[in-house]
């Protein structure tokens, strides 16, 4: 995810982590947080999904998600809010 120059590869890596979820995906949390700033929106979107599927253990991502929420467009904002709810944060 973090090393590929190909946005399709980065997007599919984030999607795979979203599908895995839970503690298995938690090992990639730092990489997923970094992917929130990827230049490709689809990579950012799948990173948000993956973080949400980690659940409460993704607490370190809350600050980054809150910042992303401040700049998100109307199509992306609901997914960030849903992820914050899955983590269980007051920001949601």
Protein backbone atom coordinates (compact mmCIF):
# COMPACT_ATOMS: atom_id res chain seq x y z
CA UNK A 1 0.00 0.00 0.00
CA UNK A 2 2.60 2.54 0.99
CA UNK A 3 5.30 1.56 -1.50
CA UNK A 4 3.41 1.21 -4.77
CA UNK A 5 3.42 4.04 -7.26
CA UNK A 6 0.37 2.52 -8.94
CA UNK A 7 -2.88 3.97 -7.53
CA UNK A 8 -4.84 0.87 -8.53
CA UNK A 9 -2.52 -1.33 -6.46
CA UNK A 10 -2.78 1.06 -3.50
CA UNK A 11 -6.58 1.12 -3.79
CA UNK A 12 -6.85 -2.68 -3.92
CA UNK A 13 -4.46 -3.05 -0.99
CA UNK A 14 -6.62 -0.72 1.11
CA UNK A 15 -9.76 -2.53 -0.07
CA UNK A 16 -8.26 -5.88 0.93
CA UNK A 17 -7.53 -4.50 4.39
CA UNK A 18 -11.10 -3.20 4.59
CA UNK A 19 -12.41 -6.68 3.86
CA UNK A 20 -10.05 -8.31 6.36
CA UNK A 21 -10.85 -5.82 9.14
CA UNK A 22 -10.42 -6.46 12.85
CA UNK A 23 -7.16 -7.15 14.58
CA UNK A 24 -5.57 -8.54 11.40
CA UNK A 25 -5.98 -5.19 9.64
CA UNK A 26 -4.92 -3.29 12.77
CA UNK A 27 -1.31 -4.18 12.06
CA UNK A 28 -1.54 -1.88 9.05
CA UNK A 29 -3.19 1.00 10.91
CA UNK A 30 -0.25 3.40 10.53
CA UNK A 31 -0.16 2.71 6.81
CA UNK A 32 -3.92 3.21 6.55
CA UNK A 33 -3.64 6.51 8.39
CA UNK A 34 -1.00 7.60 5.89
CA UNK A 35 -3.29 6.52 3.05
CA UNK A 36 -5.86 9.07 4.24
CA UNK A 37 -3.60 11.62 2.54
CA UNK A 38 -3.06 9.67 -0.67
CA UNK A 39 -3.40 11.80 -3.79
CA UNK A 40 -6.06 9.41 -5.13
CA UNK A 41 -9.53 9.73 -3.61
CA UNK A 42 -10.32 6.03 -4.07
CA UNK A 43 -7.30 5.06 -1.95
CA UNK A 44 -8.44 7.49 0.75
CA UNK A 45 -11.96 6.06 0.61
CA UNK A 46 -10.85 2.46 1.01
CA UNK A 47 -8.47 3.46 3.81
CA UNK A 48 -11.42 5.02 5.66
CA UNK A 49 -13.42 1.81 5.17
CA UNK A 50 -10.53 -0.33 6.41
CA UNK A 51 -10.03 1.83 9.50
CA UNK A 52 -13.73 1.54 10.29
CA UNK A 53 -13.61 -2.22 9.99
CA UNK A 54 -10.82 -2.37 12.54
CA UNK A 55 -13.28 -0.93 15.06
CA UNK A 56 -12.44 0.41 18.50
CA UNK A 57 -8.80 -0.60 18.16
CA UNK A 58 -8.44 2.09 15.48
CA UNK A 59 -8.64 4.85 18.10
CA UNK A 60 -5.24 6.31 17.04
CA UNK A 61 -6.83 7.21 13.68
CA UNK A 62 -9.58 9.40 15.17
CA UNK A 63 -7.63 12.67 15.06
CA UNK A 64 -6.65 12.03 11.43
CA UNK A 65 -10.22 11.17 10.47
CA UNK A 66 -11.52 14.29 12.20
CA UNK A 67 -9.10 16.42 10.16
CA UNK A 68 -10.19 14.63 7.02
CA UNK A 69 -13.81 15.30 7.92
CA UNK A 70 -13.09 19.03 7.96
CA UNK A 71 -12.02 18.94 4.31
CA UNK A 72 -14.22 16.13 2.99
CA UNK A 73 -16.74 16.69 0.24
CA UNK A 74 -20.39 15.69 0.56
CA UNK A 75 -19.83 12.25 -0.96
CA UNK A 76 -16.96 11.34 1.36
CA UNK A 77 -18.21 12.83 4.61
CA UNK A 78 -20.82 10.11 5.42
CA UNK A 79 -18.19 7.37 5.16
CA UNK A 80 -15.88 9.19 7.56
CA UNK A 81 -18.73 9.70 10.03
CA UNK A 82 -19.67 6.01 9.77
CA UNK A 83 -16.05 5.05 10.45
CA UNK A 84 -15.89 7.31 13.50
CA UNK A 85 -19.09 5.66 14.75
CA UNK A 86 -17.58 2.20 14.27
CA UNK A 87 -14.56 3.27 16.29
CA UNK A 88 -16.91 4.66 18.92
CA UNK A 89 -15.91 8.28 19.19
CA UNK A 90 -17.72 11.41 20.36
CA UNK A 91 -16.77 13.11 17.04
CA UNK A 92 -19.37 10.94 15.33
